[in-house]
PDB file of all heavy atoms in Angstrom:
ATOM      1  N   GLU A   1       0.842  -1.214  -0.001  1.00  0.00           N
ATOM      2  CA  GLU A   1       0.003   0.001  -0.002  1.00  0.00           C
ATOM      3  C   GLU A   1       0.867   1.260  -0.004  1.00  0.00           C
ATOM      4  O   GLU A   1       0.606   2.192  -0.746  1.00  0.00           O
ATOM      5  CB  GLU A   1      -0.917  -0.002   1.224  1.00  0.00           C
ATOM      6  CG  GLU A   1      -1.887   1.149   1.240  1.00  0.00           C
ATOM      7  CD  GLU A   1      -2.848   1.119   2.409  1.00  0.00           C
ATOM      8  OE1 GLU A   1      -2.766   0.215   3.279  1.00  0.00           O
ATOM      9  OE2 GLU A   1      -3.718   2.004   2.468  1.00  0.00           O
ATOM     10  N   GLU A   2       1.922   1.270   0.798  1.00  0.00           N
ATOM     11  CA  GLU A   2       2.826   2.417   0.867  1.00  0.00           C
ATOM     12  C   GLU A   2       3.510   2.667  -0.492  1.00  0.00           C
ATOM     13  O   GLU A   2       3.790   3.793  -0.847  1.00  0.00           O
ATOM     14  CB  GLU A   2       3.904   2.195   1.917  1.00  0.00           C
ATOM     15  CG  GLU A   2       3.412   2.299   3.318  1.00  0.00           C
ATOM     16  CD  GLU A   2       4.489   1.937   4.347  1.00  0.00           C
ATOM     17  OE1 GLU A   2       5.687   1.900   3.966  1.00  0.00           O
ATOM     18  OE2 GLU A   2       4.132   1.697   5.504  1.00  0.00           O
ATOM     19  N   ARG A   3       3.759   1.596  -1.234  1.00  0.00           N
ATOM     20  CA  ARG A   3       4.423   1.706  -2.528  1.00  0.00           C
ATOM     21  C   ARG A   3       3.441   2.039  -3.653  1.00  0.00           C
ATOM     22  O   ARG A   3       3.832   2.130  -4.816  1.00  0.00           O
ATOM     23  CB  ARG A   3       5.127   0.419  -2.880  1.00  0.00           C
ATOM     24  CG  ARG A   3       6.245   0.091  -1.938  1.00  0.00           C
ATOM     25  CD  ARG A   3       6.728  -1.284  -2.194  1.00  0.00           C
ATOM     26  NE  ARG A   3       8.158  -1.236  -2.501  1.00  0.00           N
ATOM     27  CZ  ARG A   3       8.866  -2.254  -2.899  1.00  0.00           C
ATOM     28  NH1 ARG A   3       8.297  -3.430  -3.073  1.00  0.00           N
ATOM     29  NH2 ARG A   3      10.136  -2.131  -3.126  1.00  0.00           N
ATOM     30  N   GLY A   4       2.167   2.153  -3.324  1.00  0.00           N
ATOM     31  CA  GLY A   4       1.160   2.448  -4.336  1.00  0.00           C
ATOM     32  C   GLY A   4       0.825   1.253  -5.166  1.00  0.00           C
ATOM     33  O   GLY A   4       0.480   1.369  -6.357  1.00  0.00           O
ATOM     34  N   GLU A   5       0.888   0.053  -4.577  1.00  0.00           N
ATOM     35  CA  GLU A   5       0.603  -1.227  -5.257  1.00  0.00           C
ATOM     36  C   GLU A   5      -0.642  -1.871  -4.603  1.00  0.00           C
ATOM     37  O   GLU A   5      -0.491  -2.789  -3.815  1.00  0.00           O
ATOM     38  CB  GLU A   5       1.807  -2.147  -5.160  1.00  0.00           C
ATOM     39  CG  GLU A   5       3.070  -1.553  -5.718  1.00  0.00           C
ATOM     40  CD  GLU A   5       4.325  -2.327  -5.353  1.00  0.00           C
ATOM     41  OE1 GLU A   5       4.288  -3.148  -4.401  1.00  0.00           O
ATOM     42  OE2 GLU A   5       5.340  -2.135  -6.034  1.00  0.00           O
ATOM     43  N   PRO A   6      -1.823  -1.380  -4.919  1.00  0.00           N
ATOM     44  CA  PRO A   6      -3.002  -1.873  -4.229  1.00  0.00           C
ATOM     45  C   PRO A   6      -3.362  -3.323  -4.542  1.00  0.00           C
ATOM     46  O   PRO A   6      -3.865  -4.021  -3.673  1.00  0.00           O
ATOM     47  CB  PRO A   6      -4.116  -0.922  -4.669  1.00  0.00           C
ATOM     48  CG  PRO A   6      -3.633  -0.368  -5.970  1.00  0.00           C
ATOM     49  CD  PRO A   6      -2.141  -0.324  -5.896  1.00  0.00           C
ATOM     50  N   ASP A   7      -3.112  -3.788  -5.783  1.00  0.00           N
ATOM     51  CA  ASP A   7      -3.530  -5.151  -6.110  1.00  0.00           C
ATOM     52  C   ASP A   7      -2.853  -6.217  -5.250  1.00  0.00           C
ATOM     53  O   ASP A   7      -3.519  -7.077  -4.701  1.00  0.00           O
ATOM     54  CB  ASP A   7      -3.333  -5.423  -7.593  1.00  0.00           C
ATOM     55  CG  ASP A   7      -4.262  -4.609  -8.473  1.00  0.00           C
ATOM     56  OD1 ASP A   7      -5.334  -4.176  -7.969  1.00  0.00           O
ATOM     57  OD2 ASP A   7      -3.943  -4.402  -9.649  1.00  0.00           O
ATOM     58  N   PRO A   8      -1.514  -6.183  -5.120  1.00  0.00           N
ATOM     59  CA  PRO A   8      -0.903  -7.196  -4.233  1.00  0.00           C
ATOM     60  C   PRO A   8      -1.296  -7.012  -2.769  1.00  0.00           C
ATOM     61  O   PRO A   8      -1.365  -7.989  -2.013  1.00  0.00           O
ATOM     62  CB  PRO A   8       0.597  -7.011  -4.429  1.00  0.00           C
ATOM     63  CG  PRO A   8       0.802  -5.950  -5.417  1.00  0.00           C
ATOM     64  CD  PRO A   8      -0.529  -5.413  -5.831  1.00  0.00           C
ATOM     65  N   ALA A   9      -1.580  -5.770  -2.358  1.00  0.00           N
ATOM     66  CA  ALA A   9      -2.024  -5.549  -0.999  1.00  0.00           C
ATOM     67  C   ALA A   9      -3.365  -6.199  -0.765  1.00  0.00           C
ATOM     68  O   ALA A   9      -3.573  -6.872   0.242  1.00  0.00           O
ATOM     69  CB  ALA A   9      -2.100  -4.039  -0.713  1.00  0.00           C
ATOM     70  N   VAL A  10      -4.284  -6.031  -1.710  1.00  0.00           N
ATOM     71  CA  VAL A  10      -5.597  -6.659  -1.600  1.00  0.00           C
ATOM     72  C   VAL A  10      -5.493  -8.173  -1.585  1.00  0.00           C
ATOM     73  O   VAL A  10      -6.138  -8.854  -0.796  1.00  0.00           O
ATOM     74  CB  VAL A  10      -6.539  -6.193  -2.754  1.00  0.00           C
ATOM     75  CG1 VAL A  10      -7.813  -7.005  -2.812  1.00  0.00           C
ATOM     76  CG2 VAL A  10      -6.862  -4.690  -2.583  1.00  0.00           C
ATOM     77  N   GLU A  11      -4.614  -8.707  -2.420  1.00  0.00           N
ATOM     78  CA  GLU A  11      -4.415 -10.155  -2.456  1.00  0.00           C
ATOM     79  C   GLU A  11      -3.907 -10.673  -1.135  1.00  0.00           C
ATOM     80  O   GLU A  11      -4.414 -11.690  -0.622  1.00  0.00           O
ATOM     81  CB  GLU A  11      -3.449 -10.511  -3.581  1.00  0.00           C
ATOM     82  CG  GLU A  11      -3.214 -12.004  -3.694  1.00  0.00           C
ATOM     83  CD  GLU A  11      -2.229 -12.330  -4.805  1.00  0.00           C
ATOM     84  OE1 GLU A  11      -2.043 -11.541  -5.740  1.00  0.00           O
ATOM     85  OE2 GLU A  11      -1.631 -13.425  -4.732  1.00  0.00           O
ATOM     86  N   ALA A  12      -2.925 -10.022  -0.541  1.00  0.00           N
ATOM     87  CA  ALA A  12      -2.356 -10.465   0.727  1.00  0.00           C
ATOM     88  C   ALA A  12      -3.405 -10.415   1.833  1.00  0.00           C
ATOM     89  O   ALA A  12      -3.539 -11.335   2.643  1.00  0.00           O
ATOM     90  CB  ALA A  12      -1.146  -9.612   1.103  1.00  0.00           C
ATOM     91  N   LEU A  13      -4.180  -9.363   1.855  1.00  0.00           N
ATOM     92  CA  LEU A  13      -5.218  -9.226   2.893  1.00  0.00           C
ATOM     93  C   LEU A  13      -6.318 -10.248   2.692  1.00  0.00           C
ATOM     94  O   LEU A  13      -6.866 -10.761   3.674  1.00  0.00           O
ATOM     95  CB  LEU A  13      -5.787  -7.804   2.886  1.00  0.00           C
ATOM     96  CG  LEU A  13      -4.779  -6.739   3.326  1.00  0.00           C
ATOM     97  CD1 LEU A  13      -5.323  -5.348   2.989  1.00  0.00           C
ATOM     98  CD2 LEU A  13      -4.458  -6.862   4.787  1.00  0.00           C
ATOM     99  N   GLY A  14      -6.632 -10.572   1.455  1.00  0.00           N
ATOM    100  CA  GLY A  14      -7.598 -11.625   1.170  1.00  0.00           C
ATOM    101  C   GLY A  14      -7.136 -12.978   1.734  1.00  0.00           C
ATOM    102  O   GLY A  14      -7.942 -13.745   2.263  1.00  0.00           O
ATOM    103  N   ARG A  15      -5.830 -13.234   1.625  1.00  0.00           N
ATOM    104  CA  ARG A  15      -5.292 -14.468   2.178  1.00  0.00           C
ATOM    105  C   ARG A  15      -5.383 -14.486   3.692  1.00  0.00           C
ATOM    106  O   ARG A  15      -5.685 -15.529   4.285  1.00  0.00           O
ATOM    107  CB  ARG A  15      -3.839 -14.637   1.720  1.00  0.00           C
ATOM    108  CG  ARG A  15      -3.752 -14.952   0.223  1.00  0.00           C
ATOM    109  CD  ARG A  15      -2.342 -14.980  -0.299  1.00  0.00           C
ATOM    110  NE  ARG A  15      -1.484 -15.933   0.438  1.00  0.00           N
ATOM    111  CZ  ARG A  15      -0.176 -15.915   0.389  1.00  0.00           C
ATOM    112  NH1 ARG A  15       0.451 -15.036  -0.353  1.00  0.00           N
ATOM    113  NH2 ARG A  15       0.517 -16.816   1.071  1.00  0.00           N
ATOM    114  N   VAL A  16      -5.152 -13.342   4.304  1.00  0.00           N
ATOM    115  CA  VAL A  16      -5.288 -13.247   5.763  1.00  0.00           C
ATOM    116  C   VAL A  16      -6.723 -13.598   6.165  1.00  0.00           C
ATOM    117  O   VAL A  16      -6.956 -14.416   7.056  1.00  0.00           O
ATOM    118  CB  VAL A  16      -4.923 -11.848   6.296  1.00  0.00           C
ATOM    119  CG1 VAL A  16      -5.284 -11.690   7.757  1.00  0.00           C
ATOM    120  CG2 VAL A  16      -3.446 -11.548   6.082  1.00  0.00           C
ATOM    121  N   LEU A  17      -7.681 -12.993   5.485  1.00  0.00           N
ATOM    122  CA  LEU A  17      -9.074 -13.194   5.859  1.00  0.00           C
ATOM    123  C   LEU A  17      -9.575 -14.604   5.510  1.00  0.00           C
ATOM    124  O   LEU A  17     -10.515 -15.076   6.160  1.00  0.00           O
ATOM    125  CB  LEU A  17      -9.952 -12.123   5.203  1.00  0.00           C
ATOM    126  CG  LEU A  17      -9.703 -10.726   5.778  1.00  0.00           C
ATOM    127  CD1 LEU A  17     -10.504  -9.689   5.007  1.00  0.00           C
ATOM    128  CD2 LEU A  17     -10.002 -10.670   7.259  1.00  0.00           C
ATOM    129  N   ALA A  18      -8.958 -15.268   4.564  1.00  0.00           N
ATOM    130  CA  ALA A  18      -9.336 -16.648   4.273  1.00  0.00           C
ATOM    131  C   ALA A  18      -8.982 -17.538   5.453  1.00  0.00           C
ATOM    132  O   ALA A  18      -9.693 -18.509   5.729  1.00  0.00           O
ATOM    133  CB  ALA A  18      -8.616 -17.118   3.005  1.00  0.00           C
ATOM    134  N   GLU A  19      -7.912 -17.194   6.140  1.00  0.00           N
ATOM    135  CA  GLU A  19      -7.480 -17.991   7.300  1.00  0.00           C
ATOM    136  C   GLU A  19      -8.067 -17.483   8.620  1.00  0.00           C
ATOM    137  O   GLU A  19      -8.269 -18.250   9.554  1.00  0.00           O
ATOM    138  CB  GLU A  19      -5.951 -17.962   7.420  1.00  0.00           C
ATOM    139  CG  GLU A  19      -5.248 -18.662   6.281  1.00  0.00           C
ATOM    140  CD  GLU A  19      -5.526 -20.158   6.256  1.00  0.00           C
ATOM    141  OE1 GLU A  19      -5.593 -20.779   7.337  1.00  0.00           O
ATOM    142  OE2 GLU A  19      -5.696 -20.700   5.158  1.00  0.00           O
ATOM    143  N   ALA A  20      -8.314 -16.183   8.693  1.00  0.00           N
ATOM    144  CA  ALA A  20      -8.780 -15.586   9.940  1.00  0.00           C
ATOM    145  C   ALA A  20      -9.883 -14.545   9.615  1.00  0.00           C
ATOM    146  O   ALA A  20      -9.609 -13.352   9.532  1.00  0.00           O
ATOM    147  CB  ALA A  20      -7.637 -14.927  10.670  1.00  0.00           C
ATOM    148  N   PRO A  21     -11.114 -15.030   9.392  1.00  0.00           N
ATOM    149  CA  PRO A  21     -12.181 -14.125   8.933  1.00  0.00           C
ATOM    150  C   PRO A  21     -12.540 -13.003   9.903  1.00  0.00           C
ATOM    151  O   PRO A  21     -13.241 -12.064   9.532  1.00  0.00           O
ATOM    152  CB  PRO A  21     -13.374 -15.053   8.683  1.00  0.00           C
ATOM    153  CG  PRO A  21     -13.002 -16.375   9.233  1.00  0.00           C
ATOM    154  CD  PRO A  21     -11.532 -16.385   9.485  1.00  0.00           C
ATOM    155  N   THR A  22     -12.084 -13.100  11.143  1.00  0.00           N
ATOM    156  CA  THR A  22     -12.397 -12.030  12.114  1.00  0.00           C
ATOM    157  C   THR A  22     -11.241 -11.060  12.304  1.00  0.00           C
ATOM    158  O   THR A  22     -11.282 -10.231  13.221  1.00  0.00           O
ATOM    159  CB  THR A  22     -12.763 -12.654  13.480  1.00  0.00           C
ATOM    160  OG1 THR A  22     -11.652 -13.412  13.954  1.00  0.00           O
ATOM    161  CG2 THR A  22     -13.988 -13.523  13.376  1.00  0.00           C
ATOM    162  N   HIS A  23     -10.214 -11.120  11.466  1.00  0.00           N
ATOM    163  CA  HIS A  23      -9.048 -10.262  11.608  1.00  0.00           C
ATOM    164  C   HIS A  23      -9.430  -8.824  11.260  1.00  0.00           C
ATOM    165  O   HIS A  23      -9.442  -8.429  10.088  1.00  0.00           O
ATOM    166  CB  HIS A  23      -7.935 -10.778  10.671  1.00  0.00           C
ATOM    167  CG  HIS A  23      -6.584 -10.260  11.031  1.00  0.00           C
ATOM    168  ND1 HIS A  23      -6.210  -8.946  10.871  1.00  0.00           N
ATOM    169  CD2 HIS A  23      -5.498 -10.902  11.539  1.00  0.00           C
ATOM    170  CE1 HIS A  23      -4.966  -8.789  11.233  1.00  0.00           C
ATOM    171  NE2 HIS A  23      -4.517  -9.984  11.662  1.00  0.00           N
ATOM    172  N   GLU A  24      -9.717  -8.055  12.275  1.00  0.00           N
ATOM    173  CA  GLU A  24     -10.261  -6.707  12.077  1.00  0.00           C
ATOM    174  C   GLU A  24      -9.278  -5.777  11.364  1.00  0.00           C
ATOM    175  O   GLU A  24      -9.682  -4.961  10.533  1.00  0.00           O
ATOM    176  CB  GLU A  24     -10.657  -6.098  13.431  1.00  0.00           C
ATOM    177  CG  GLU A  24     -11.367  -4.770  13.276  1.00  0.00           C
ATOM    178  CD  GLU A  24     -11.860  -4.208  14.589  1.00  0.00           C
ATOM    179  OE1 GLU A  24     -12.012  -4.971  15.559  1.00  0.00           O
ATOM    180  OE2 GLU A  24     -12.140  -3.011  14.626  1.00  0.00           O
ATOM    181  N   VAL A  25      -7.992  -5.898  11.655  1.00  0.00           N
ATOM    182  CA  VAL A  25      -6.998  -5.042  11.007  1.00  0.00           C
ATOM    183  C   VAL A  25      -7.002  -5.264   9.492  1.00  0.00           C
ATOM    184  O   VAL A  25      -6.950  -4.315   8.715  1.00  0.00           O
ATOM    185  CB  VAL A  25      -5.589  -5.279  11.594  1.00  0.00           C
ATOM    186  CG1 VAL A  25      -4.528  -4.546  10.821  1.00  0.00           C
ATOM    187  CG2 VAL A  25      -5.559  -4.838  13.073  1.00  0.00           C
ATOM    188  N   ALA A  26      -7.096  -6.514   9.079  1.00  0.00           N
ATOM    189  CA  ALA A  26      -7.135  -6.822   7.645  1.00  0.00           C
ATOM    190  C   ALA A  26      -8.410  -6.260   7.003  1.00  0.00           C
ATOM    191  O   ALA A  26      -8.367  -5.705   5.901  1.00  0.00           O
ATOM    192  CB  ALA A  26      -7.047  -8.335   7.426  1.00  0.00           C
ATOM    193  N   HIS A  27      -9.539  -6.397   7.683  1.00  0.00           N
ATOM    194  CA  HIS A  27     -10.783  -5.816   7.169  1.00  0.00           C
ATOM    195  C   HIS A  27     -10.658  -4.323   6.992  1.00  0.00           C
ATOM    196  O   HIS A  27     -11.033  -3.771   5.968  1.00  0.00           O
ATOM    197  CB  HIS A  27     -11.962  -6.136   8.104  1.00  0.00           C
ATOM    198  CG  HIS A  27     -12.521  -7.517   7.959  1.00  0.00           C
ATOM    199  ND1 HIS A  27     -13.334  -7.878   6.893  1.00  0.00           N
ATOM    200  CD2 HIS A  27     -12.406  -8.605   8.753  1.00  0.00           C
ATOM    201  CE1 HIS A  27     -13.699  -9.140   7.057  1.00  0.00           C
ATOM    202  NE2 HIS A  27     -13.135  -9.596   8.156  1.00  0.00           N
ATOM    203  N   ARG A  28     -10.130  -3.657   8.041  1.00  0.00           N
ATOM    204  CA  ARG A  28     -10.004  -2.191   7.954  1.00  0.00           C
ATOM    205  C   ARG A  28      -9.068  -1.782   6.824  1.00  0.00           C
ATOM    206  O   ARG A  28      -9.351  -0.792   6.109  1.00  0.00           O
ATOM    207  CB  ARG A  28      -9.498  -1.640   9.297  1.00  0.00           C
ATOM    208  CG  ARG A  28     -10.547  -1.659  10.369  1.00  0.00           C
ATOM    209  CD  ARG A  28     -10.124  -0.822  11.595  1.00  0.00           C
ATOM    210  NE  ARG A  28      -8.703  -0.898  11.864  1.00  0.00           N
ATOM    211  CZ  ARG A  28      -8.169  -1.353  13.005  1.00  0.00           C
ATOM    212  NH1 ARG A  28      -8.951  -1.775  13.982  1.00  0.00           N
ATOM    213  NH2 ARG A  28      -6.866  -1.353  13.183  1.00  0.00           N
ATOM    214  N   ALA A  29      -7.989  -2.511   6.663  1.00  0.00           N
ATOM    215  CA  ALA A  29      -7.056  -2.193   5.592  1.00  0.00           C
ATOM    216  C   ALA A  29      -7.700  -2.338   4.217  1.00  0.00           C
ATOM    217  O   ALA A  29      -7.498  -1.510   3.328  1.00  0.00           O
ATOM    218  CB  ALA A  29      -5.806  -3.063   5.687  1.00  0.00           C
ATOM    219  N   LEU A  30      -8.502  -3.405   4.065  1.00  0.00           N
ATOM    220  CA  LEU A  30      -9.189  -3.585   2.779  1.00  0.00           C
ATOM    221  C   LEU A  30     -10.212  -2.487   2.544  1.00  0.00           C
ATOM    222  O   LEU A  30     -10.335  -1.973   1.423  1.00  0.00           O
ATOM    223  CB  LEU A  30      -9.891  -4.953   2.758  1.00  0.00           C
ATOM    224  CG  LEU A  30      -9.051  -6.118   2.274  1.00  0.00           C
ATOM    225  CD1 LEU A  30      -9.812  -7.442   2.459  1.00  0.00           C
ATOM    226  CD2 LEU A  30      -8.641  -5.924   0.828  1.00  0.00           C
ATOM    227  N   MET A  31     -10.920  -2.082   3.580  1.00  0.00           N
ATOM    228  CA  MET A  31     -11.866  -0.993   3.436  1.00  0.00           C
ATOM    229  C   MET A  31     -11.130   0.271   2.986  1.00  0.00           C
ATOM    230  O   MET A  31     -11.598   0.985   2.083  1.00  0.00           O
ATOM    231  CB  MET A  31     -12.578  -0.714   4.760  1.00  0.00           C
ATOM    232  CG  MET A  31     -13.658  -1.737   5.080  1.00  0.00           C
ATOM    233  SD  MET A  31     -14.542  -1.283   6.603  1.00  0.00           S
ATOM    234  CE  MET A  31     -13.685  -2.297   7.776  1.00  0.00           C
ATOM    235  N   ARG A  32      -9.983   0.538   3.606  1.00  0.00           N
ATOM    236  CA  ARG A  32      -9.202   1.723   3.238  1.00  0.00           C
ATOM    237  C   ARG A  32      -8.725   1.664   1.806  1.00  0.00           C
ATOM    238  O   ARG A  32      -8.791   2.653   1.055  1.00  0.00           O
ATOM    239  CB  ARG A  32      -8.009   1.840   4.208  1.00  0.00           C
ATOM    240  CG  ARG A  32      -7.188   3.074   4.017  1.00  0.00           C
ATOM    241  CD  ARG A  32      -6.040   3.202   5.003  1.00  0.00           C
ATOM    242  NE  ARG A  32      -5.183   1.996   5.016  1.00  0.00           N
ATOM    243  CZ  ARG A  32      -5.105   1.132   6.025  1.00  0.00           C
ATOM    244  NH1 ARG A  32      -5.843   1.310   7.107  1.00  0.00           N
ATOM    245  NH2 ARG A  32      -4.294   0.075   5.951  1.00  0.00           N
ATOM    246  N   LEU A  33      -8.217   0.502   1.379  1.00  0.00           N
ATOM    247  CA  LEU A  33      -7.755   0.333   0.004  1.00  0.00           C
ATOM    248  C   LEU A  33      -8.888   0.542  -0.992  1.00  0.00           C
ATOM    249  O   LEU A  33      -8.710   1.227  -2.026  1.00  0.00           O
ATOM    250  CB  LEU A  33      -7.132  -1.048  -0.194  1.00  0.00           C
ATOM    251  CG  LEU A  33      -5.739  -1.232   0.381  1.00  0.00           C
ATOM    252  CD1 LEU A  33      -5.419  -2.722   0.471  1.00  0.00           C
ATOM    253  CD2 LEU A  33      -4.724  -0.513  -0.484  1.00  0.00           C
ATOM    254  N   HIS A  34     -10.016  -0.054  -0.744  1.00  0.00           N
ATOM    255  CA  HIS A  34     -11.163   0.103  -1.656  1.00  0.00           C
ATOM    256  C   HIS A  34     -11.613   1.577  -1.718  1.00  0.00           C
ATOM    257  O   HIS A  34     -11.877   2.088  -2.802  1.00  0.00           O
ATOM    258  CB  HIS A  34     -12.337  -0.776  -1.230  1.00  0.00           C
ATOM    259  CG  HIS A  34     -12.072  -2.234  -1.361  1.00  0.00           C
ATOM    260  ND1 HIS A  34     -11.559  -2.807  -2.519  1.00  0.00           N
ATOM    261  CD2 HIS A  34     -12.256  -3.252  -0.498  1.00  0.00           C
ATOM    262  CE1 HIS A  34     -11.451  -4.113  -2.362  1.00  0.00           C
ATOM    263  NE2 HIS A  34     -11.863  -4.408  -1.136  1.00  0.00           N
ATOM    264  N   ALA A  35     -11.651   2.232  -0.569  1.00  0.00           N
ATOM    265  CA  ALA A  35     -12.066   3.634  -0.545  1.00  0.00           C
ATOM    266  C   ALA A  35     -11.054   4.492  -1.294  1.00  0.00           C
ATOM    267  O   ALA A  35     -11.436   5.397  -2.041  1.00  0.00           O
ATOM    268  CB  ALA A  35     -12.217   4.110   0.875  1.00  0.00           C
ATOM    269  N   ALA A  36      -9.779   4.210  -1.146  1.00  0.00           N
ATOM    270  CA  ALA A  36      -8.731   4.985  -1.817  1.00  0.00           C
ATOM    271  C   ALA A  36      -8.817   4.834  -3.338  1.00  0.00           C
ATOM    272  O   ALA A  36      -8.474   5.752  -4.081  1.00  0.00           O
ATOM    273  CB  ALA A  36      -7.331   4.550  -1.331  1.00  0.00           C
ATOM    274  N   ARG A  37      -9.293   3.677  -3.796  1.00  0.00           N
ATOM    275  CA  ARG A  37      -9.470   3.456  -5.194  1.00  0.00           C
ATOM    276  C   ARG A  37     -10.752   4.105  -5.731  1.00  0.00           C
ATOM    277  O   ARG A  37     -11.047   4.059  -6.903  1.00  0.00           O
ATOM    278  CB  ARG A  37      -9.583   1.944  -5.507  1.00  0.00           C
ATOM    279  CG  ARG A  37      -8.324   1.176  -5.296  1.00  0.00           C
ATOM    280  CD  ARG A  37      -8.642  -0.275  -5.390  1.00  0.00           C
ATOM    281  NE  ARG A  37      -7.592  -1.022  -6.012  1.00  0.00           N
ATOM    282  CZ  ARG A  37      -7.616  -2.328  -6.203  1.00  0.00           C
ATOM    283  NH1 ARG A  37      -8.663  -3.031  -5.807  1.00  0.00           N
ATOM    284  NH2 ARG A  37      -6.621  -2.945  -6.778  1.00  0.00           N
ATOM    285  N   GLY A  38     -11.556   4.650  -4.813  1.00  0.00           N
ATOM    286  CA  GLY A  38     -12.809   5.250  -5.196  1.00  0.00           C
ATOM    287  C   GLY A  38     -13.962   4.264  -5.271  1.00  0.00           C
ATOM    288  O   GLY A  38     -15.043   4.602  -5.767  1.00  0.00           O
ATOM    289  N   ASP A  39     -13.745   3.054  -4.768  1.00  0.00           N
ATOM    290  CA  ASP A  39     -14.777   2.023  -4.822  1.00  0.00           C
ATOM    291  C   ASP A  39     -15.470   1.951  -3.455  1.00  0.00           C
ATOM    292  O   ASP A  39     -15.244   1.045  -2.664  1.00  0.00           O
ATOM    293  CB  ASP A  39     -14.171   0.674  -5.183  1.00  0.00           C
ATOM    294  CG  ASP A  39     -15.209  -0.363  -5.560  1.00  0.00           C
ATOM    295  OD1 ASP A  39     -16.408  -0.117  -5.296  1.00  0.00           O
ATOM    296  OD2 ASP A  39     -14.837  -1.397  -6.125  1.00  0.00           O
ATOM    297  N   ARG A  40     -16.333   2.924  -3.224  1.00  0.00           N
ATOM    298  CA  ARG A  40     -17.015   3.002  -1.938  1.00  0.00           C
ATOM    299  C   ARG A  40     -17.944   1.810  -1.703  1.00  0.00           C
ATOM    300  O   ARG A  40     -18.113   1.378  -0.588  1.00  0.00           O
ATOM    301  CB  ARG A  40     -17.778   4.329  -1.849  1.00  0.00           C
ATOM    302  CG  ARG A  40     -16.799   5.490  -1.810  1.00  0.00           C
ATOM    303  CD  ARG A  40     -17.439   6.832  -1.994  1.00  0.00           C
ATOM    304  NE  ARG A  40     -18.626   7.053  -1.222  1.00  0.00           N
ATOM    305  CZ  ARG A  40     -19.432   8.095  -1.320  1.00  0.00           C
ATOM    306  NH1 ARG A  40     -19.099   9.043  -2.172  1.00  0.00           N
ATOM    307  NH2 ARG A  40     -20.518   8.224  -0.603  1.00  0.00           N
ATOM    308  N   GLY A  41     -18.533   1.304  -2.780  1.00  0.00           N
ATOM    309  CA  GLY A  41     -19.431   0.156  -2.643  1.00  0.00           C
ATOM    310  C   GLY A  41     -18.682  -1.071  -2.147  1.00  0.00           C
ATOM    311  O   GLY A  41     -19.178  -1.814  -1.289  1.00  0.00           O
ATOM    312  N   GLN A  42     -17.478  -1.290  -2.657  1.00  0.00           N
ATOM    313  CA  GLN A  42     -16.670  -2.422  -2.208  1.00  0.00           C
ATOM    314  C   GLN A  42     -16.218  -2.217  -0.775  1.00  0.00           C
ATOM    315  O   GLN A  42     -16.151  -3.172   0.006  1.00  0.00           O
ATOM    316  CB  GLN A  42     -15.469  -2.638  -3.146  1.00  0.00           C
ATOM    317  CG  GLN A  42     -14.738  -3.907  -2.883  1.00  0.00           C
ATOM    318  CD  GLN A  42     -15.563  -5.152  -3.173  1.00  0.00           C
ATOM    319  OE1 GLN A  42     -16.467  -5.133  -3.990  1.00  0.00           O
ATOM    320  NE2 GLN A  42     -15.254  -6.225  -2.485  1.00  0.00           N
ATOM    321  N   ALA A  43     -15.897  -0.972  -0.430  1.00  0.00           N
ATOM    322  CA  ALA A  43     -15.504  -0.675   0.965  1.00  0.00           C
ATOM    323  C   ALA A  43     -16.662  -0.976   1.903  1.00  0.00           C
ATOM    324  O   ALA A  43     -16.460  -1.576   2.961  1.00  0.00           O
ATOM    325  CB  ALA A  43     -15.072   0.779   1.079  1.00  0.00           C
ATOM    326  N   LEU A  44     -17.864  -0.612   1.499  1.00  0.00           N
ATOM    327  CA  LEU A  44     -19.029  -0.884   2.324  1.00  0.00           C
ATOM    328  C   LEU A  44     -19.306  -2.392   2.405  1.00  0.00           C
ATOM    329  O   LEU A  44     -19.634  -2.896   3.483  1.00  0.00           O
ATOM    330  CB  LEU A  44     -20.261  -0.159   1.764  1.00  0.00           C
ATOM    331  CG  LEU A  44     -21.553  -0.307   2.540  1.00  0.00           C
ATOM    332  CD1 LEU A  44     -21.387   0.143   3.978  1.00  0.00           C
ATOM    333  CD2 LEU A  44     -22.667   0.468   1.852  1.00  0.00           C
TER     334      LEU A  44
END
């Protein structure tokens, strides 16, 4: 995310949530990434 590479960031966070669906930090990071891309629907 810091490097401006949202796709690999989303992929890594998806892997986290596949193993730990209650990982709140991963959920928040994904919400932030989606919002930064302008995809408010996906963030919601």
